[in-house]
Amino acid sequence: MSTSATGVHDRVREFVLDSLLLGDASRMPSDSESLLESGVIDSTGILELIEFIEEAFGVHVADDETVPENLDGIDRVAAYVTRKQA
């Protein structure tokens, strides 16, 4: 992972922990784990995640990009943002 990709990854992890889990590190899923299946995120949380991505990284998340392959997991979100920034 490049330095910028690592920075994206770390910021996404921090958002999940602080905003979605309200600081409860005991519920933090692994980076490759599904946020939906682990109960970390729901439909409202997806909207919060999209807002965070757009504001924090300056990328637009199109409606057709709101799919699990892009947004369901810390690794997937970080990879998606890194691709969008390229």
N, C-alpha and C. Protein backbone atom coordinates (compact mmCIF):
# COMPACT_ATOMS: atom_id res chain seq x y z
N MET A 1 0.85 -1.19 0.00
CA MET A 1 0.00 0.00 0.00
C MET A 1 0.89 1.24 0.00
N SER A 2 0.58 2.18 -0.85
CA SER A 2 1.37 3.41 -0.89
C SER A 2 1.07 4.25 0.35
N THR A 3 1.88 5.26 0.57
CA THR A 3 1.69 6.13 1.74
C THR A 3 0.33 6.79 1.71
N SER A 4 -0.08 7.29 0.53
CA SER A 4 -1.38 7.95 0.45
C SER A 4 -2.51 6.94 0.67
N ALA A 5 -2.35 5.72 0.14
CA ALA A 5 -3.36 4.68 0.35
C ALA A 5 -3.43 4.31 1.83
N THR A 6 -2.28 4.28 2.50
CA THR A 6 -2.25 3.99 3.93
C THR A 6 -2.97 5.08 4.70
N GLY A 7 -2.76 6.34 4.31
CA GLY A 7 -3.44 7.45 4.96
C GLY A 7 -4.95 7.37 4.79
N VAL A 8 -5.39 7.02 3.59
CA VAL A 8 -6.83 6.84 3.34
C VAL A 8 -7.37 5.73 4.23
N HIS A 9 -6.67 4.63 4.25
CA HIS A 9 -7.07 3.46 5.04
C HIS A 9 -7.22 3.83 6.51
N ASP A 10 -6.23 4.54 7.03
CA ASP A 10 -6.25 4.93 8.45
C ASP A 10 -7.42 5.87 8.75
N ARG A 11 -7.70 6.80 7.85
CA ARG A 11 -8.81 7.75 8.07
C ARG A 11 -10.15 7.03 8.00
N VAL A 12 -10.28 6.05 7.12
CA VAL A 12 -11.53 5.28 7.03
C VAL A 12 -11.72 4.47 8.32
N ARG A 13 -10.67 3.82 8.80
CA ARG A 13 -10.74 3.07 10.07
C ARG A 13 -11.16 4.00 11.21
N GLU A 14 -10.56 5.17 11.27
CA GLU A 14 -10.86 6.14 12.32
C GLU A 14 -12.33 6.57 12.25
N PHE A 15 -12.84 6.80 11.03
CA PHE A 15 -14.25 7.18 10.86
C PHE A 15 -15.16 6.06 11.36
N VAL A 16 -14.87 4.82 10.98
CA VAL A 16 -15.69 3.69 11.41
C VAL A 16 -15.71 3.60 12.93
N LEU A 17 -14.55 3.70 13.54
CA LEU A 17 -14.46 3.59 15.00
C LEU A 17 -15.16 4.76 15.69
N ASP A 18 -14.87 5.98 15.27
CA ASP A 18 -15.40 7.16 15.96
C ASP A 18 -16.87 7.42 15.66
N SER A 19 -17.25 7.35 14.40
CA SER A 19 -18.59 7.77 14.00
C SER A 19 -19.62 6.64 13.98
N LEU A 20 -19.22 5.46 13.56
CA LEU A 20 -20.18 4.36 13.45
C LEU A 20 -20.22 3.50 14.72
N LEU A 21 -19.07 3.33 15.36
CA LEU A 21 -19.01 2.52 16.58
C LEU A 21 -18.94 3.38 17.85
N LEU A 22 -18.96 4.68 17.67
CA LEU A 22 -18.92 5.63 18.79
C LEU A 22 -17.78 5.32 19.76
N GLY A 23 -16.62 4.93 19.19
CA GLY A 23 -15.43 4.69 19.99
C GLY A 23 -15.33 3.31 20.61
N ASP A 24 -16.29 2.43 20.36
CA ASP A 24 -16.28 1.08 20.96
C ASP A 24 -15.36 0.15 20.16
N ALA A 25 -14.07 0.16 20.49
CA ALA A 25 -13.08 -0.62 19.75
C ALA A 25 -13.34 -2.12 19.83
N SER A 26 -14.06 -2.57 20.84
CA SER A 26 -14.33 -4.00 20.97
C SER A 26 -15.23 -4.52 19.84
N ARG A 27 -15.94 -3.62 19.17
CA ARG A 27 -16.82 -4.01 18.07
C ARG A 27 -16.18 -3.80 16.70
N MET A 28 -14.94 -3.33 16.68
CA MET A 28 -14.25 -3.02 15.42
C MET A 28 -14.00 -4.29 14.63
N PRO A 29 -14.53 -4.35 13.40
CA PRO A 29 -14.29 -5.53 12.57
C PRO A 29 -12.88 -5.49 11.98
N SER A 30 -12.44 -6.62 11.44
CA SER A 30 -11.16 -6.62 10.74
C SER A 30 -11.32 -5.77 9.48
N ASP A 31 -10.21 -5.37 8.91
CA ASP A 31 -10.25 -4.48 7.75
C ASP A 31 -10.92 -5.12 6.54
N SER A 32 -10.88 -6.44 6.46
CA SER A 32 -11.46 -7.13 5.30
C SER A 32 -12.90 -7.59 5.55
N GLU A 33 -13.37 -7.43 6.77
CA GLU A 33 -14.71 -7.90 7.15
C GLU A 33 -15.82 -6.97 6.64
N SER A 34 -16.96 -7.55 6.34
CA SER A 34 -18.12 -6.78 5.90
C SER A 34 -18.65 -5.93 7.03
N LEU A 35 -18.85 -4.63 6.76
CA LEU A 35 -19.43 -3.74 7.77
C LEU A 35 -20.91 -4.04 7.96
N LEU A 36 -21.57 -4.46 6.89
CA LEU A 36 -23.00 -4.81 6.99
C LEU A 36 -23.19 -6.09 7.79
N GLU A 37 -22.47 -7.15 7.42
CA GLU A 37 -22.63 -8.44 8.09
C GLU A 37 -22.19 -8.41 9.55
N SER A 38 -21.23 -7.54 9.87
CA SER A 38 -20.76 -7.46 11.26
C SER A 38 -21.64 -6.54 12.10
N GLY A 39 -22.66 -5.93 11.47
CA GLY A 39 -23.60 -5.09 12.20
C GLY A 39 -23.08 -3.70 12.51
N VAL A 40 -21.99 -3.30 11.89
CA VAL A 40 -21.40 -1.99 12.14
C VAL A 40 -22.18 -0.89 11.44
N ILE A 41 -22.74 -1.21 10.27
CA ILE A 41 -23.34 -0.18 9.43
C ILE A 41 -24.71 -0.64 8.95
N ASP A 42 -25.61 0.33 8.80
CA ASP A 42 -26.93 0.07 8.25
C ASP A 42 -27.15 1.10 7.13
N SER A 43 -28.37 1.22 6.64
CA SER A 43 -28.60 2.14 5.51
C SER A 43 -28.28 3.59 5.87
N THR A 44 -28.59 4.00 7.09
CA THR A 44 -28.25 5.35 7.52
C THR A 44 -26.73 5.52 7.61
N GLY A 45 -26.08 4.50 8.11
CA GLY A 45 -24.62 4.52 8.22
C GLY A 45 -23.94 4.60 6.86
N ILE A 46 -24.53 3.94 5.85
CA ILE A 46 -23.99 4.02 4.49
C ILE A 46 -24.00 5.47 4.02
N LEU A 47 -25.10 6.17 4.30
CA LEU A 47 -25.19 7.59 3.91
C LEU A 47 -24.13 8.42 4.63
N GLU A 48 -23.93 8.13 5.91
CA GLU A 48 -22.89 8.84 6.68
C GLU A 48 -21.51 8.56 6.09
N LEU A 49 -21.28 7.30 5.71
CA LEU A 49 -20.00 6.91 5.13
C LEU A 49 -19.77 7.64 3.81
N ILE A 50 -20.79 7.71 2.97
CA ILE A 50 -20.67 8.41 1.69
C ILE A 50 -20.36 9.89 1.92
N GLU A 51 -21.06 10.50 2.86
CA GLU A 51 -20.82 11.91 3.18
C GLU A 51 -19.38 12.11 3.65
N PHE A 52 -18.91 11.21 4.51
CA PHE A 52 -17.53 11.27 5.00
C PHE A 52 -16.54 11.17 3.83
N ILE A 53 -16.75 10.20 2.94
CA ILE A 53 -15.85 10.01 1.80
C ILE A 53 -15.79 11.27 0.94
N GLU A 54 -16.95 11.82 0.66
CA GLU A 54 -17.00 13.00 -0.20
C GLU A 54 -16.33 14.21 0.45
N GLU A 55 -16.57 14.41 1.73
CA GLU A 55 -15.99 15.56 2.42
C GLU A 55 -14.50 15.38 2.73
N ALA A 56 -14.13 14.20 3.20
CA ALA A 56 -12.75 13.98 3.64
C ALA A 56 -11.77 13.82 2.49
N PHE A 57 -12.25 13.24 1.38
CA PHE A 57 -11.33 12.92 0.29
C PHE A 57 -11.62 13.67 -1.01
N GLY A 58 -12.69 14.46 -1.02
CA GLY A 58 -12.98 15.27 -2.19
C GLY A 58 -13.36 14.47 -3.43
N VAL A 59 -13.96 13.31 -3.23
CA VAL A 59 -14.42 12.51 -4.37
C VAL A 59 -15.94 12.41 -4.34
N HIS A 60 -16.54 12.33 -5.52
CA HIS A 60 -17.99 12.18 -5.61
C HIS A 60 -18.33 10.70 -5.72
N VAL A 61 -19.24 10.25 -4.88
CA VAL A 61 -19.71 8.86 -4.93
C VAL A 61 -21.00 8.85 -5.74
N ALA A 62 -20.93 8.32 -6.96
CA ALA A 62 -22.10 8.26 -7.83
C ALA A 62 -23.05 7.17 -7.33
N ASP A 63 -24.33 7.34 -7.65
CA ASP A 63 -25.34 6.36 -7.21
C ASP A 63 -24.97 4.94 -7.62
N ASP A 64 -24.46 4.77 -8.85
CA ASP A 64 -24.14 3.42 -9.32
C ASP A 64 -22.86 2.86 -8.71
N GLU A 65 -22.18 3.67 -7.88
CA GLU A 65 -20.97 3.21 -7.19
C GLU A 65 -21.26 2.81 -5.74
N THR A 66 -22.50 2.99 -5.31
CA THR A 66 -22.86 2.64 -3.93
C THR A 66 -23.20 1.16 -3.86
N VAL A 67 -22.18 0.34 -4.06
CA VAL A 67 -22.32 -1.11 -4.06
C VAL A 67 -21.36 -1.69 -3.03
N PRO A 68 -21.65 -2.89 -2.55
CA PRO A 68 -20.78 -3.51 -1.53
C PRO A 68 -19.31 -3.60 -1.96
N GLU A 69 -19.06 -3.81 -3.24
CA GLU A 69 -17.68 -3.92 -3.71
C GLU A 69 -16.88 -2.66 -3.41
N ASN A 70 -17.56 -1.52 -3.30
CA ASN A 70 -16.88 -0.25 -3.02
C ASN A 70 -16.97 0.18 -1.56
N LEU A 71 -18.05 -0.17 -0.89
CA LEU A 71 -18.34 0.46 0.41
C LEU A 71 -18.49 -0.50 1.58
N ASP A 72 -18.41 -1.80 1.38
CA ASP A 72 -18.67 -2.72 2.48
C ASP A 72 -17.40 -3.34 3.03
N GLY A 73 -16.67 -2.56 3.77
CA GLY A 73 -15.45 -3.02 4.42
C GLY A 73 -14.40 -1.93 4.35
N ILE A 74 -13.58 -1.86 5.35
CA ILE A 74 -12.56 -0.81 5.42
C ILE A 74 -11.60 -0.93 4.24
N ASP A 75 -11.14 -2.14 3.94
CA ASP A 75 -10.24 -2.33 2.80
C ASP A 75 -10.90 -1.89 1.50
N ARG A 76 -12.17 -2.25 1.31
CA ARG A 76 -12.88 -1.92 0.08
C ARG A 76 -13.08 -0.41 -0.07
N VAL A 77 -13.44 0.25 1.02
CA VAL A 77 -13.62 1.70 0.98
C VAL A 77 -12.30 2.39 0.65
N ALA A 78 -11.24 1.98 1.31
CA ALA A 78 -9.93 2.60 1.07
C ALA A 78 -9.50 2.39 -0.38
N ALA A 79 -9.69 1.19 -0.92
CA ALA A 79 -9.32 0.91 -2.31
C ALA A 79 -10.16 1.75 -3.26
N TYR A 80 -11.45 1.85 -2.98
CA TYR A 80 -12.35 2.65 -3.81
C TYR A 80 -11.91 4.12 -3.84
N VAL A 81 -11.67 4.69 -2.67
CA VAL A 81 -11.26 6.10 -2.58
C VAL A 81 -9.93 6.31 -3.32
N THR A 82 -9.00 5.40 -3.14
CA THR A 82 -7.69 5.51 -3.80
C THR A 82 -7.85 5.47 -5.32
N ARG A 83 -8.72 4.58 -5.82
CA ARG A 83 -9.00 4.53 -7.27
C ARG A 83 -9.62 5.84 -7.75
N LYS A 84 -10.57 6.37 -7.00
CA LYS A 84 -11.25 7.60 -7.39
C LYS A 84 -10.28 8.79 -7.42
N GLN A 85 -9.32 8.80 -6.54
CA GLN A 85 -8.36 9.89 -6.46
C GLN A 85 -7.28 9.81 -7.55
N ALA A 86 -7.11 8.64 -8.12
CA ALA A 86 -6.05 8.43 -9.13
C ALA A 86 -6.33 9.18 -10.41
